[in-house]
Amino acid sequence: MKKLIIFGTGDIAQLAHYYFTHDSEYEVTAFTVDRQFLDKTTFCEYPVVAFEDIVSQSP
Protein backbone atom coordinates (compact mmCIF):
# COMPACT_ATOMS: atom_id res chain seq x y z
CA MET A 1 0.00 0.00 0.00
CA LYS A 2 1.30 3.47 -0.89
CA LYS A 3 1.50 6.06 1.90
CA LEU A 4 -0.20 9.42 1.48
CA ILE A 5 -0.06 12.77 3.27
CA ILE A 6 -3.01 15.05 2.55
CA PHE A 7 -2.54 18.83 2.40
CA GLY A 8 -5.17 20.70 4.41
CA THR A 9 -7.45 20.19 7.41
CA GLY A 10 -10.77 21.39 6.09
CA ASP A 11 -13.81 19.84 4.46
CA ILE A 12 -12.02 18.96 1.22
CA ALA A 13 -9.19 17.25 3.14
CA GLN A 14 -11.76 15.28 5.11
CA LEU A 15 -13.48 14.23 1.89
CA ALA A 16 -10.13 13.26 0.34
CA HIS A 17 -9.38 11.20 3.44
CA TYR A 18 -12.66 9.34 3.03
CA TYR A 19 -12.11 8.53 -0.63
CA PHE A 20 -8.46 7.57 -0.28
CA THR A 21 -9.29 5.37 2.72
CA HIS A 22 -12.19 3.58 1.05
CA ASP A 23 -11.51 3.62 -2.71
CA SER A 24 -7.77 3.56 -3.38
CA GLU A 25 -4.46 1.80 -2.92
CA TYR A 26 -3.27 4.60 -0.63
CA GLU A 27 -2.89 4.61 3.13
CA VAL A 28 -3.38 8.04 4.70
CA THR A 29 -0.62 8.59 7.26
CA ALA A 30 -0.91 12.31 8.10
CA PHE A 31 -2.18 15.74 7.14
CA THR A 32 -0.08 18.83 6.52
CA VAL A 33 -0.62 22.60 6.41
CA ASP A 34 1.65 25.62 6.17
CA ARG A 35 3.12 26.37 9.60
CA GLN A 36 1.22 29.67 9.88
CA PHE A 37 -2.09 27.74 9.69
CA LEU A 38 -1.10 24.92 12.07
CA ASP A 39 -3.76 25.21 14.78
CA LYS A 40 -4.29 21.55 15.72
CA THR A 41 -2.12 18.49 16.23
CA THR A 42 -4.53 15.88 14.87
CA PHE A 43 -7.21 15.69 12.20
CA CYS A 44 -9.38 12.62 11.49
CA GLU A 45 -7.28 10.87 14.15
CA TYR A 46 -4.03 11.40 12.17
CA PRO A 47 -1.15 13.76 13.01
CA VAL A 48 -1.01 17.23 11.44
CA VAL A 49 2.54 18.29 10.56
CA ALA A 50 3.78 21.70 9.39
CA PHE A 51 4.47 21.53 5.65
CA GLU A 52 7.91 23.03 6.23
CA ASP A 53 8.78 20.03 8.45
CA ILE A 54 7.15 17.28 6.41
CA VAL A 55 10.39 15.74 5.12
CA SER A 56 12.01 15.49 8.54
CA GLN A 57 8.85 14.47 10.46
CA SER A 58 6.82 12.44 7.99
CA PRO A 59 5.16 9.43 9.62
PDB file of N, CA and C in Angstrom:
ATOM      1  N   MET A   1       0.840  -1.177   0.000  1.00  0.00           N
ATOM      2  CA  MET A   1       0.000   0.000   0.000  1.00  0.00           C
ATOM      3  C   MET A   1       0.890   1.247   0.000  1.00  0.00           C
ATOM      4  N   LYS A   2       0.536   2.222  -0.801  1.00  0.00           N
ATOM      5  CA  LYS A   2       1.296   3.468  -0.886  1.00  0.00           C
ATOM      6  C   LYS A   2       0.853   4.414   0.211  1.00  0.00           C
ATOM      7  N   LYS A   3       1.814   5.115   0.820  1.00  0.00           N
ATOM      8  CA  LYS A   3       1.502   6.058   1.896  1.00  0.00           C
ATOM      9  C   LYS A   3       1.185   7.430   1.316  1.00  0.00           C
ATOM     10  N   LEU A   4       0.274   8.140   1.976  1.00  0.00           N
ATOM     11  CA  LEU A   4      -0.202   9.423   1.477  1.00  0.00           C
ATOM     12  C   LEU A   4      -0.328  10.431   2.612  1.00  0.00           C
ATOM     13  N   ILE A   5       0.141  11.646   2.366  1.00  0.00           N
ATOM     14  CA  ILE A   5      -0.057  12.770   3.273  1.00  0.00           C
ATOM     15  C   ILE A   5      -0.949  13.760   2.541  1.00  0.00           C
ATOM     16  N   ILE A   6      -2.043  14.149   3.165  1.00  0.00           N
ATOM     17  CA  ILE A   6      -3.012  15.053   2.551  1.00  0.00           C
ATOM     18  C   ILE A   6      -2.749  16.479   3.021  1.00  0.00           C
ATOM     19  N   PHE A   7      -2.742  17.415   2.063  1.00  0.00           N
ATOM     20  CA  PHE A   7      -2.545  18.826   2.404  1.00  0.00           C
ATOM     21  C   PHE A   7      -3.889  19.432   2.769  1.00  0.00           C
ATOM     22  N   GLY A   8      -3.964  20.016   3.961  1.00  0.00           N
ATOM     23  CA  GLY A   8      -5.166  20.700   4.411  1.00  0.00           C
ATOM     24  C   GLY A   8      -5.813  19.998   5.586  1.00  0.00           C
ATOM     25  N   THR A   9      -6.696  20.741   6.276  1.00  0.00           N
ATOM     26  CA  THR A   9      -7.446  20.190   7.406  1.00  0.00           C
ATOM     27  C   THR A   9      -8.882  20.692   7.389  1.00  0.00           C
ATOM     28  N   GLY A  10      -9.393  20.908   6.212  1.00  0.00           N
ATOM     29  CA  GLY A  10     -10.769  21.388   6.088  1.00  0.00           C
ATOM     30  C   GLY A  10     -11.677  20.321   5.499  1.00  0.00           C
ATOM     31  N   ASP A  11     -12.821  20.765   5.011  1.00  0.00           N
ATOM     32  CA  ASP A  11     -13.813  19.844   4.465  1.00  0.00           C
ATOM     33  C   ASP A  11     -13.286  19.036   3.277  1.00  0.00           C
ATOM     34  N   ILE A  12     -12.543  19.671   2.386  1.00  0.00           N
ATOM     35  CA  ILE A  12     -12.018  18.964   1.217  1.00  0.00           C
ATOM     36  C   ILE A  12     -10.997  17.904   1.650  1.00  0.00           C
ATOM     37  N   ALA A  13     -10.167  18.218   2.631  1.00  0.00           N
ATOM     38  CA  ALA A  13      -9.186  17.245   3.139  1.00  0.00           C
ATOM     39  C   ALA A  13      -9.910  16.065   3.785  1.00  0.00           C
ATOM     40  N   GLN A  14     -10.982  16.347   4.488  1.00  0.00           N
ATOM     41  CA  GLN A  14     -11.756  15.280   5.112  1.00  0.00           C
ATOM     42  C   GLN A  14     -12.405  14.390   4.047  1.00  0.00           C
ATOM     43  N   LEU A  15     -12.907  14.984   2.989  1.00  0.00           N
ATOM     44  CA  LEU A  15     -13.480  14.231   1.886  1.00  0.00           C
ATOM     45  C   LEU A  15     -12.406  13.398   1.175  1.00  0.00           C
ATOM     46  N   ALA A  16     -11.240  14.000   0.949  1.00  0.00           N
ATOM     47  CA  ALA A  16     -10.126  13.264   0.335  1.00  0.00           C
ATOM     48  C   ALA A  16      -9.742  12.071   1.205  1.00  0.00           C
ATOM     49  N   HIS A  17      -9.685  12.290   2.511  1.00  0.00           N
ATOM     50  CA  HIS A  17      -9.379  11.203   3.445  1.00  0.00           C
ATOM     51  C   HIS A  17     -10.368  10.058   3.274  1.00  0.00           C
ATOM     52  N   TYR A  18     -11.634  10.372   3.191  1.00  0.00           N
ATOM     53  CA  TYR A  18     -12.664   9.343   3.035  1.00  0.00           C
ATOM     54  C   TYR A  18     -12.435   8.542   1.758  1.00  0.00           C
ATOM     55  N   TYR A  19     -12.273   9.234   0.641  1.00  0.00           N
ATOM     56  CA  TYR A  19     -12.111   8.531  -0.630  1.00  0.00           C
ATOM     57  C   TYR A  19     -10.816   7.733  -0.696  1.00  0.00           C
ATOM     58  N   PHE A  20      -9.723   8.304  -0.241  1.00  0.00           N
ATOM     59  CA  PHE A  20      -8.461   7.566  -0.279  1.00  0.00           C
ATOM     60  C   PHE A  20      -8.491   6.372   0.671  1.00  0.00           C
ATOM     61  N   THR A  21      -9.201   6.474   1.770  1.00  0.00           N
ATOM     62  CA  THR A  21      -9.293   5.374   2.722  1.00  0.00           C
ATOM     63  C   THR A  21     -10.173   4.243   2.196  1.00  0.00           C
ATOM     64  N   HIS A  22     -11.234   4.593   1.476  1.00  0.00           N
ATOM     65  CA  HIS A  22     -12.194   3.581   1.045  1.00  0.00           C
ATOM     66  C   HIS A  22     -12.060   3.126  -0.408  1.00  0.00           C
ATOM     67  N   ASP A  23     -11.490   3.931  -1.281  1.00  0.00           N
ATOM     68  CA  ASP A  23     -11.507   3.618  -2.709  1.00  0.00           C
ATOM     69  C   ASP A  23     -10.150   3.747  -3.390  1.00  0.00           C
ATOM     70  N   SER A  24      -9.069   3.409  -2.726  1.00  0.00           N
ATOM     71  CA  SER A  24      -7.770   3.557  -3.381  1.00  0.00           C
ATOM     72  C   SER A  24      -6.745   2.599  -2.792  1.00  0.00           C
ATOM     73  N   GLU A  25      -5.580   2.601  -3.398  1.00  0.00           N
ATOM     74  CA  GLU A  25      -4.459   1.796  -2.916  1.00  0.00           C
ATOM     75  C   GLU A  25      -3.626   2.555  -1.890  1.00  0.00           C
ATOM     76  N   TYR A  26      -4.059   3.750  -1.517  1.00  0.00           N
ATOM     77  CA  TYR A  26      -3.270   4.601  -0.630  1.00  0.00           C
ATOM     78  C   TYR A  26      -3.671   4.430   0.824  1.00  0.00           C
ATOM     79  N   GLU A  27      -2.681   4.608   1.691  1.00  0.00           N
ATOM     80  CA  GLU A  27      -2.894   4.606   3.134  1.00  0.00           C
ATOM     81  C   GLU A  27      -2.580   6.009   3.648  1.00  0.00           C
ATOM     82  N   VAL A  28      -3.588   6.702   4.145  1.00  0.00           N
ATOM     83  CA  VAL A  28      -3.376   8.042   4.696  1.00  0.00           C
ATOM     84  C   VAL A  28      -2.560   7.898   5.973  1.00  0.00           C
ATOM     85  N   THR A  29      -1.476   8.678   6.069  1.00  0.00           N
ATOM     86  CA  THR A  29      -0.617   8.591   7.258  1.00  0.00           C
ATOM     87  C   THR A  29      -0.578   9.896   8.053  1.00  0.00           C
ATOM     88  N   ALA A  30      -0.950  11.015   7.415  1.00  0.00           N
ATOM     89  CA  ALA A  30      -0.906  12.313   8.104  1.00  0.00           C
ATOM     90  C   ALA A  30      -1.573  13.377   7.234  1.00  0.00           C
ATOM     91  N   PHE A  31      -1.728  14.533   7.839  1.00  0.00           N
ATOM     92  CA  PHE A  31      -2.177  15.739   7.137  1.00  0.00           C
ATOM     93  C   PHE A  31      -1.102  16.792   7.311  1.00  0.00           C
ATOM     94  N   THR A  32      -1.059  17.755   6.410  1.00  0.00           N
ATOM     95  CA  THR A  32      -0.080  18.832   6.522  1.00  0.00           C
ATOM     96  C   THR A  32      -0.707  20.157   6.131  1.00  0.00           C
ATOM     97  N   VAL A  33      -0.232  21.224   6.739  1.00  0.00           N
ATOM     98  CA  VAL A  33      -0.624  22.599   6.411  1.00  0.00           C
ATOM     99  C   VAL A  33       0.609  23.484   6.568  1.00  0.00           C
ATOM    100  N   ASP A  34       0.562  24.656   5.952  1.00  0.00           N
ATOM    101  CA  ASP A  34       1.649  25.620   6.172  1.00  0.00           C
ATOM    102  C   ASP A  34       1.713  25.958   7.656  1.00  0.00           C
ATOM    103  N   ARG A  35       2.926  26.142   8.162  1.00  0.00           N
ATOM    104  CA  ARG A  35       3.116  26.375   9.599  1.00  0.00           C
ATOM    105  C   ARG A  35       2.224  27.495  10.153  1.00  0.00           C
ATOM    106  N   GLN A  36       2.025  28.547   9.381  1.00  0.00           N
ATOM    107  CA  GLN A  36       1.217  29.674   9.883  1.00  0.00           C
ATOM    108  C   GLN A  36      -0.251  29.295  10.105  1.00  0.00           C
ATOM    109  N   PHE A  37      -0.707  28.188   9.533  1.00  0.00           N
ATOM    110  CA  PHE A  37      -2.086  27.736   9.693  1.00  0.00           C
ATOM    111  C   PHE A  37      -2.203  26.503  10.581  1.00  0.00           C
ATOM    112  N   LEU A  38      -1.107  26.106  11.200  1.00  0.00           N
ATOM    113  CA  LEU A  38      -1.100  24.922  12.066  1.00  0.00           C
ATOM    114  C   LEU A  38      -1.760  25.281  13.394  1.00  0.00           C
ATOM    115  N   ASP A  39      -3.019  24.873  13.556  1.00  0.00           N
ATOM    116  CA  ASP A  39      -3.755  25.213  14.775  1.00  0.00           C
ATOM    117  C   ASP A  39      -4.282  23.983  15.511  1.00  0.00           C
ATOM    118  N   LYS A  40      -3.893  22.783  15.053  1.00  0.00           N
ATOM    119  CA  LYS A  40      -4.286  21.547  15.725  1.00  0.00           C
ATOM    120  C   LYS A  40      -3.198  20.504  15.503  1.00  0.00           C
ATOM    121  N   THR A  41      -3.149  19.514  16.352  1.00  0.00           N
ATOM    122  CA  THR A  41      -2.115  18.490  16.228  1.00  0.00           C
ATOM    123  C   THR A  41      -2.629  17.215  15.579  1.00  0.00           C
ATOM    124  N   THR A  42      -3.952  17.048  15.539  1.00  0.00           N
ATOM    125  CA  THR A  42      -4.531  15.883  14.869  1.00  0.00           C
ATOM    126  C   THR A  42      -5.740  16.304  14.055  1.00  0.00           C
ATOM    127  N   PHE A  43      -6.037  15.487  13.047  1.00  0.00           N
ATOM    128  CA  PHE A  43      -7.213  15.686  12.201  1.00  0.00           C
ATOM    129  C   PHE A  43      -7.631  14.314  11.695  1.00  0.00           C
ATOM    130  N   CYS A  44      -8.883  13.960  11.867  1.00  0.00           N
ATOM    131  CA  CYS A  44      -9.378  12.617  11.486  1.00  0.00           C
ATOM    132  C   CYS A  44      -8.530  11.526  12.140  1.00  0.00           C
ATOM    133  N   GLU A  45      -8.078  11.799  13.344  1.00  0.00           N
ATOM    134  CA  GLU A  45      -7.278  10.868  14.145  1.00  0.00           C
ATOM    135  C   GLU A  45      -5.873  10.601  13.590  1.00  0.00           C
ATOM    136  N   TYR A  46      -5.386  11.485  12.717  1.00  0.00           N
ATOM    137  CA  TYR A  46      -4.026  11.400  12.170  1.00  0.00           C
ATOM    138  C   TYR A  46      -3.254  12.649  12.576  1.00  0.00           C
ATOM    139  N   PRO A  47      -1.926  12.571  12.644  1.00  0.00           N
ATOM    140  CA  PRO A  47      -1.147  13.763  13.008  1.00  0.00           C
ATOM    141  C   PRO A  47      -1.214  14.841  11.920  1.00  0.00           C
ATOM    142  N   VAL A  48      -1.126  16.087  12.360  1.00  0.00           N
ATOM    143  CA  VAL A  48      -1.006  17.228  11.444  1.00  0.00           C
ATOM    144  C   VAL A  48       0.397  17.788  11.631  1.00  0.00           C
ATOM    145  N   VAL A  49       1.143  17.868  10.527  1.00  0.00           N
ATOM    146  CA  VAL A  49       2.539  18.289  10.557  1.00  0.00           C
ATOM    147  C   VAL A  49       2.692  19.549   9.719  1.00  0.00           C
ATOM    148  N   ALA A  50       3.504  20.489  10.180  1.00  0.00           N
ATOM    149  CA  ALA A  50       3.782  21.695   9.387  1.00  0.00           C
ATOM    150  C   ALA A  50       4.421  21.281   8.064  1.00  0.00           C
ATOM    151  N   PHE A  51       3.959  21.868   6.972  1.00  0.00           N
ATOM    152  CA  PHE A  51       4.475  21.532   5.648  1.00  0.00           C
ATOM    153  C   PHE A  51       5.988  21.721   5.577  1.00  0.00           C
ATOM    154  N   GLU A  52       6.480  22.745   6.244  1.00  0.00           N
ATOM    155  CA  GLU A  52       7.911  23.033   6.231  1.00  0.00           C
ATOM    156  C   GLU A  52       8.727  21.911   6.886  1.00  0.00           C
ATOM    157  N   ASP A  53       8.093  21.102   7.728  1.00  0.00           N
ATOM    158  CA  ASP A  53       8.782  20.028   8.447  1.00  0.00           C
ATOM    159  C   ASP A  53       8.449  18.636   7.915  1.00  0.00           C
ATOM    160  N   ILE A  54       7.688  18.565   6.847  1.00  0.00           N
ATOM    161  CA  ILE A  54       7.150  17.276   6.409  1.00  0.00           C
ATOM    162  C   ILE A  54       8.235  16.260   6.064  1.00  0.00           C
ATOM    163  N   VAL A  55       9.333  16.683   5.494  1.00  0.00           N
ATOM    164  CA  VAL A  55      10.394  15.736   5.124  1.00  0.00           C
ATOM    165  C   VAL A  55      11.048  15.151   6.373  1.00  0.00           C
ATOM    166  N   SER A  56      11.311  15.970   7.360  1.00  0.00           N
ATOM    167  CA  SER A  56      12.008  15.486   8.540  1.00  0.00           C
ATOM    168  C   SER A  56      11.084  14.779   9.532  1.00  0.00           C
ATOM    169  N   GLN A  57       9.771  15.049   9.477  1.00  0.00           N
ATOM    170  CA  GLN A  57       8.853  14.472  10.462  1.00  0.00           C
ATOM    171  C   GLN A  57       7.792  13.581   9.861  1.00  0.00           C
ATOM    172  N   SER A  58       7.897  13.220   8.596  1.00  0.00           N
ATOM    173  CA  SER A  58       6.816  12.438   7.994  1.00  0.00           C
ATOM    174  C   SER A  58       6.696  11.073   8.656  1.00  0.00           C
ATOM    175  N   PRO A  59       5.441  10.720   8.951  1.00  0.00           N
ATOM    176  CA  PRO A  59       5.160   9.435   9.617  1.00  0.00           C
ATOM    177  C   PRO A  59       5.350   8.248   8.664  1.00  0.00           C
TER     178      PRO A  59
END
